[in-house]
Protein backbone atom coordinates (compact mmCIF):
# COMPACT_ATOMS: atom_id res chain seq x y z
CA MET A 1 0.00 0.00 0.00
CA LYS A 2 1.32 3.41 -0.90
CA THR A 3 1.55 6.30 1.53
CA HIS A 4 0.67 9.71 0.14
CA SER A 5 1.36 13.11 1.68
CA SER A 6 0.46 15.04 -1.47
CA LYS A 7 -0.03 18.79 -1.63
CA VAL A 8 -2.42 20.14 -4.13
CA VAL A 9 -5.68 21.95 -3.41
CA LEU A 10 -8.46 21.35 -1.03
CA SER A 11 -9.69 20.26 2.34
CA ILE A 12 -8.99 16.99 4.15
CA PHE A 13 -9.99 13.49 4.49
CA PHE A 14 -10.84 10.98 2.05
CA ILE A 15 -13.14 11.74 -0.68
CA PHE A 16 -13.01 12.13 -4.15
CA SER A 17 -11.49 15.36 -5.06
CA SER A 18 -9.65 16.60 -8.78
CA LEU A 19 -5.94 16.62 -14.44
CA LEU A 20 -5.17 17.23 -16.88
CA PHE A 21 -3.06 16.74 -19.70
CA ILE A 22 -5.36 16.86 -22.63
CA ALA A 23 -3.86 20.19 -23.63
CA CYS A 24 -1.69 18.76 -26.37
CA LYS A 25 -3.83 16.00 -27.83
CA LYS A 26 -2.91 14.54 -31.17
CA SER A 27 -5.55 14.44 -33.83
CA ASP A 28 -5.92 10.69 -34.20
CA GLY A 29 -9.52 10.90 -33.07
CA ASP A 30 -12.16 13.02 -31.43
CA PRO A 31 -12.71 11.44 -27.99
CA ASN A 32 -16.28 12.68 -27.62
CA SER A 33 -17.68 9.32 -26.61
CA LYS A 34 -16.60 9.72 -22.98
CA ALA A 35 -16.11 12.47 -20.44
CA ARG A 36 -13.06 12.76 -18.19
CA LEU A 37 -13.42 13.12 -14.42
CA GLN A 38 -10.79 14.13 -11.90
CA VAL A 39 -11.64 13.67 -8.22
CA ARG A 40 -9.57 15.67 -5.76
CA LEU A 41 -9.41 15.58 -1.97
CA THR A 42 -8.90 18.52 0.38
CA ASP A 43 -9.33 19.15 4.10
CA ASN A 44 -10.61 21.45 6.78
CA PRO A 45 -7.96 21.15 9.53
CA ASP A 46 -8.36 19.85 13.06
CA PRO A 47 -6.13 21.79 15.53
CA ASN A 48 -6.31 19.00 18.13
CA VAL A 49 -4.39 16.33 16.21
CA LYS A 50 -1.04 16.15 14.42
CA GLU A 51 -1.93 13.72 11.61
CA VAL A 52 -5.11 12.15 10.23
CA TRP A 53 -4.55 9.09 8.03
CA VAL A 54 -7.30 7.68 5.85
CA ASP A 55 -7.15 4.36 4.02
CA VAL A 56 -8.72 4.93 0.58
CA LYS A 57 -9.43 1.71 -1.29
CA GLU A 58 -11.72 2.70 -4.16
CA VAL A 59 -13.61 5.58 -5.77
CA ARG A 60 -16.97 4.88 -7.38
CA ILE A 61 -19.60 6.94 -9.16
CA ASN A 62 -23.26 6.24 -9.79
CA MET A 63 -24.68 7.30 -13.12
CA LYS A 64 -28.40 8.05 -13.15
CA ASP A 65 -30.48 4.90 -13.62
CA SER A 66 -27.40 2.65 -13.57
CA SER A 67 -25.25 0.73 -11.11
CA TRP A 68 -22.09 1.88 -9.34
CA ILE A 69 -18.96 2.23 -11.51
CA SER A 70 -15.48 1.83 -10.05
CA LEU A 71 -13.11 4.44 -11.50
CA ASP A 72 -10.15 2.80 -13.24
CA GLY A 73 -7.95 5.84 -12.63
CA ALA A 74 -8.31 5.78 -8.83
CA ARG A 75 -5.23 6.05 -6.62
CA PRO A 76 -5.73 3.89 -3.53
CA GLY A 77 -3.48 4.35 -0.52
CA LEU A 78 -3.01 6.08 2.82
CA TYR A 79 -3.57 9.84 2.82
CA ASP A 80 -2.62 12.23 5.60
CA LEU A 81 -5.47 14.73 5.48
CA LEU A 82 -3.61 17.36 7.44
CA THR A 83 -1.23 17.86 4.51
CA LEU A 84 -4.25 18.91 2.44
CA THR A 85 -5.05 22.23 4.06
CA ASP A 86 -4.48 25.88 3.17
CA GLY A 87 -5.50 25.47 -0.47
CA LYS A 88 -3.75 22.13 -1.04
CA ASP A 89 -5.38 19.01 -2.38
CA THR A 90 -4.48 15.64 -3.87
CA LEU A 91 -5.70 13.68 -6.86
CA LEU A 92 -7.74 10.61 -5.90
CA ALA A 93 -8.90 9.60 -9.38
CA ASP A 94 -8.49 10.56 -13.04
CA ALA A 95 -10.70 8.47 -15.29
CA HIS A 96 -12.78 8.44 -18.44
CA ILE A 97 -16.46 7.90 -17.69
CA PRO A 98 -19.69 7.54 -19.68
CA THR A 99 -21.56 10.68 -20.63
CA GLY A 100 -24.81 11.39 -18.79
CA ASN A 101 -25.70 12.41 -15.26
CA ILE A 102 -23.57 11.56 -12.20
CA SER A 103 -25.97 11.17 -9.30
CA GLN A 104 -23.56 10.17 -6.50
CA ILE A 105 -19.93 9.49 -5.72
CA ARG A 106 -18.65 7.02 -3.13
CA LEU A 107 -15.31 6.68 -1.41
CA VAL A 108 -14.63 3.14 -0.20
CA LEU A 109 -12.33 2.99 2.84
CA GLY A 110 -10.17 0.25 4.28
CA GLN A 111 -9.62 -0.50 7.98
CA ASN A 112 -6.28 1.26 8.44
CA ASN A 113 -7.57 4.68 9.52
CA TYR A 114 -5.93 6.44 12.46
CA ILE A 115 -4.83 9.74 13.97
CA ILE A 116 -1.56 10.89 15.53
CA THR A 117 -2.15 13.16 18.50
CA LYS A 118 -0.09 16.20 19.46
CA SER A 119 1.71 13.94 21.94
CA CYS A 120 2.57 11.54 19.05
CA GLU A 121 0.14 8.83 20.24
CA LYS A 122 -1.35 6.69 17.48
CA ILE A 123 -5.09 6.03 17.92
CA GLU A 124 -7.10 3.83 15.58
CA LEU A 125 -10.30 5.24 14.12
CA THR A 126 -13.39 3.03 14.29
CA THR A 127 -15.79 3.28 11.36
CA PRO A 128 -19.52 2.82 12.08
CA SER A 129 -20.97 -0.24 10.37
CA ALA A 130 -23.42 1.91 8.41
CA GLN A 131 -20.49 3.59 6.65
CA GLN A 132 -18.23 0.61 6.05
CA SER A 133 -19.57 0.20 2.51
CA GLY A 134 -18.24 3.67 1.67
CA LEU A 135 -19.15 7.31 1.98
CA LYS A 136 -21.70 8.66 -0.44
CA VAL A 137 -22.05 12.25 -1.61
CA LYS A 138 -24.83 13.50 -3.88
CA ILE A 139 -23.60 15.11 -7.09
CA ASN A 140 -26.43 15.36 -9.67
CA GLN A 141 -24.26 16.82 -12.42
CA SER A 142 -24.35 16.18 -16.18
CA VAL A 143 -21.13 15.44 -18.08
CA ASN A 144 -20.55 15.70 -21.83
CA GLY A 145 -18.18 13.68 -23.99
CA GLY A 146 -14.70 15.01 -24.64
CA ILE A 147 -14.77 17.40 -21.65
CA LEU A 148 -12.57 17.26 -18.54
CA TYR A 149 -14.39 17.85 -15.23
CA ARG A 150 -12.80 18.46 -11.83
CA LEU A 151 -14.63 17.43 -8.69
CA ILE A 152 -13.24 18.74 -5.42
CA LEU A 153 -14.56 17.40 -2.15
CA ASP A 154 -13.84 18.69 1.31
CA PHE A 155 -13.56 16.49 4.37
CA ASP A 156 -14.03 18.32 7.64
CA ALA A 157 -11.69 16.46 9.99
CA ALA A 158 -12.65 18.51 13.03
CA LYS A 159 -16.28 17.44 12.69
CA SER A 160 -15.59 13.92 11.42
CA ILE A 161 -13.47 12.55 14.27
CA ILE A 162 -15.52 12.00 17.40
CA LYS A 163 -14.22 10.90 20.81
CA ALA A 164 -16.23 7.99 22.20
CA GLY A 165 -16.86 9.11 25.78
CA ASN A 166 -14.05 8.28 28.22
CA SER A 167 -13.05 5.09 26.42
CA GLY A 168 -10.08 6.68 24.71
CA LYS A 169 -11.44 5.51 21.37
CA TYR A 170 -12.30 7.70 18.41
CA ILE A 171 -14.99 7.20 15.78
CA LEU A 172 -14.68 8.24 12.17
CA LYS A 173 -17.98 9.73 10.95
CA PRO A 174 -16.94 11.69 7.87
CA VAL A 175 -18.51 15.07 7.14
CA LEU A 176 -18.08 15.71 3.44
CA ARG A 177 -19.20 18.40 1.03
CA VAL A 178 -18.73 19.24 -2.62
CA ILE A 179 -16.58 22.34 -2.99
CA SER A 180 -16.79 22.49 -6.77
CA PHE A 181 -17.71 20.45 -9.81
CA ASP A 182 -16.70 22.27 -12.97
CA ALA A 183 -15.63 21.73 -16.54
CA SER A 184 -11.97 22.75 -16.70
CA GLY A 185 -12.14 24.18 -20.21
CA GLY A 186 -13.51 23.58 -23.69
CA ASN A 187 -12.42 21.81 -26.87
CA ILE A 188 -11.52 22.90 -30.41
CA LYS A 189 -12.22 20.76 -33.45
CA GLY A 190 -11.41 21.46 -37.09
CA VAL A 191 -10.03 20.25 -40.42
CA VAL A 192 -7.37 21.41 -42.86
CA VAL A 193 -7.40 20.82 -46.65
CA PRO A 194 -5.73 19.51 -48.66
CA HIS A 195 -5.69 16.56 -46.28
CA SER A 196 -2.39 15.27 -47.65
CA VAL A 197 -0.48 18.30 -46.33
CA ARG A 198 0.42 17.50 -42.71
CA THR A 199 -0.03 20.74 -40.80
CA THR A 200 1.00 21.85 -37.34
CA VAL A 201 -1.81 23.74 -35.59
CA TYR A 202 -1.14 26.05 -32.65
CA ALA A 203 -3.77 27.31 -30.20
CA ILE A 204 -2.62 30.78 -29.13
CA ASN A 205 -3.83 33.35 -26.61
CA GLY A 206 -2.09 36.69 -27.06
CA THR A 207 1.61 35.82 -27.15
CA ASP A 208 1.18 32.50 -25.30
CA THR A 209 0.95 29.16 -27.12
CA LEU A 210 -1.60 27.12 -25.19
CA ALA A 211 -1.20 23.86 -27.12
CA SER A 212 -0.12 22.41 -30.45
CA THR A 213 -1.05 19.38 -32.50
CA PHE A 214 -0.81 17.87 -35.99
CA THR A 215 -3.54 17.24 -38.54
CA ASP A 216 -4.41 13.66 -39.36
CA ALA A 217 -2.56 12.55 -42.50
CA LEU A 218 -5.68 10.92 -43.99
CA THR A 219 -8.52 13.21 -42.94
CA GLY A 220 -6.88 16.54 -42.13
CA ASN A 221 -8.74 16.60 -38.80
CA PHE A 222 -7.31 18.10 -35.63
CA TRP A 223 -8.59 18.37 -32.07
CA PHE A 224 -7.57 20.20 -28.89
CA GLY A 225 -8.91 19.32 -25.45
CA ASP A 226 -9.11 21.35 -22.23
CA ILE A 227 -8.46 24.78 -23.72
CA PRO A 228 -9.35 27.68 -21.38
CA ALA A 229 -12.57 29.50 -22.18
CA GLY A 230 -12.08 32.75 -24.11
CA ASN A 231 -11.13 34.18 -27.48
CA HIS A 232 -8.05 32.58 -28.99
CA SER A 233 -6.38 32.23 -32.39
CA LEU A 234 -5.31 29.20 -34.40
CA SER A 235 -2.09 29.30 -36.39
CA TYR A 236 -1.60 26.77 -39.22
CA ALA A 237 1.96 25.86 -40.34
CA PRO A 238 1.94 23.41 -43.32
CA SER A 239 4.83 20.93 -43.56
CA ASP A 240 4.88 21.57 -47.32
CA THR A 241 6.58 24.96 -47.54
CA THR A 242 5.01 25.67 -50.94
CA TYR A 243 1.85 26.50 -48.96
CA LYS A 244 1.34 29.69 -46.94
CA ASN A 245 0.96 29.82 -43.18
CA THR A 246 -2.46 31.05 -42.12
CA SER A 247 -4.44 31.82 -38.99
CA ARG A 248 -7.97 32.43 -37.73
CA GLY A 249 -9.83 33.24 -34.52
CA VAL A 250 -11.83 30.87 -32.35
CA SER A 251 -14.07 31.39 -29.34
CA VAL A 252 -14.05 28.63 -26.71
CA LEU A 253 -16.88 28.21 -24.21
CA LEU A 254 -16.52 26.30 -20.94
CA GLY A 255 -17.64 22.68 -21.31
CA GLN A 256 -18.32 22.93 -25.05
CA THR A 257 -16.56 21.99 -28.29
CA ALA A 258 -15.88 24.83 -30.73
CA ILE A 259 -16.00 23.65 -34.37
CA VAL A 260 -13.95 25.96 -36.58
CA ASP A 261 -14.47 26.48 -40.30
CA THR A 262 -12.35 24.36 -42.63
CA ALA A 263 -8.92 25.88 -43.20
CA VAL A 264 -8.08 25.82 -46.90
CA LEU A 265 -4.33 26.10 -47.51
CA GLU A 266 -3.19 28.35 -50.34
CA LYS A 267 -0.09 28.11 -52.49
CA LYS A 268 2.53 30.84 -52.12
């Protein structure tokens, strides 16, 4: 089992909070058949303990009118929630999922949950039987194909760890909430003719190149994923130098795919 003390952005405990690397996608296909979901975990700190370790085994989602789906891109392991405070979080899952409506998300925990007190004492956390099948959080969000979504969940450690009378035992009764569930950007889709001229396409904002890709050698198609919303420009650089470079504008909306007009290359 791996031990994680990741820093990244959100509250504490276990839960599904979170990628991204679609920015420079090659144009060998338009992956609109599935959405992409990142689940990230963050924490609300507990001043009374030094460490809070949670044993995450699995992350599942429930699509409307369907059964639970285990996310292939989950990252099981031990997570110290107190490293996930002050705007930090950690990635629990990064997976492609069916399009549709996500009704709930569930974090399945193992038995190795414990805290380290200020005096460095290790105390096991007991999980109530009603929650041993995993923690559920209502989502009720639609997801579209080809779009990356980030789900950030906050675990309130201070409210979730309860001392059981004078027994010296502690009970783990997680208090979770959804901080955000947002599309991270939009997509750009287009085609260049003649198809036989392999062309490098750059997505540019001002003087910054956001991403680059190549057209498909057979179809001339190209595709960018997870481009920030806003007005950008596309620059086309044909590999055949007898053709002129060209450019055009494109407007990207959050969670949508912008389809640009066909770029027709001209001879010099």
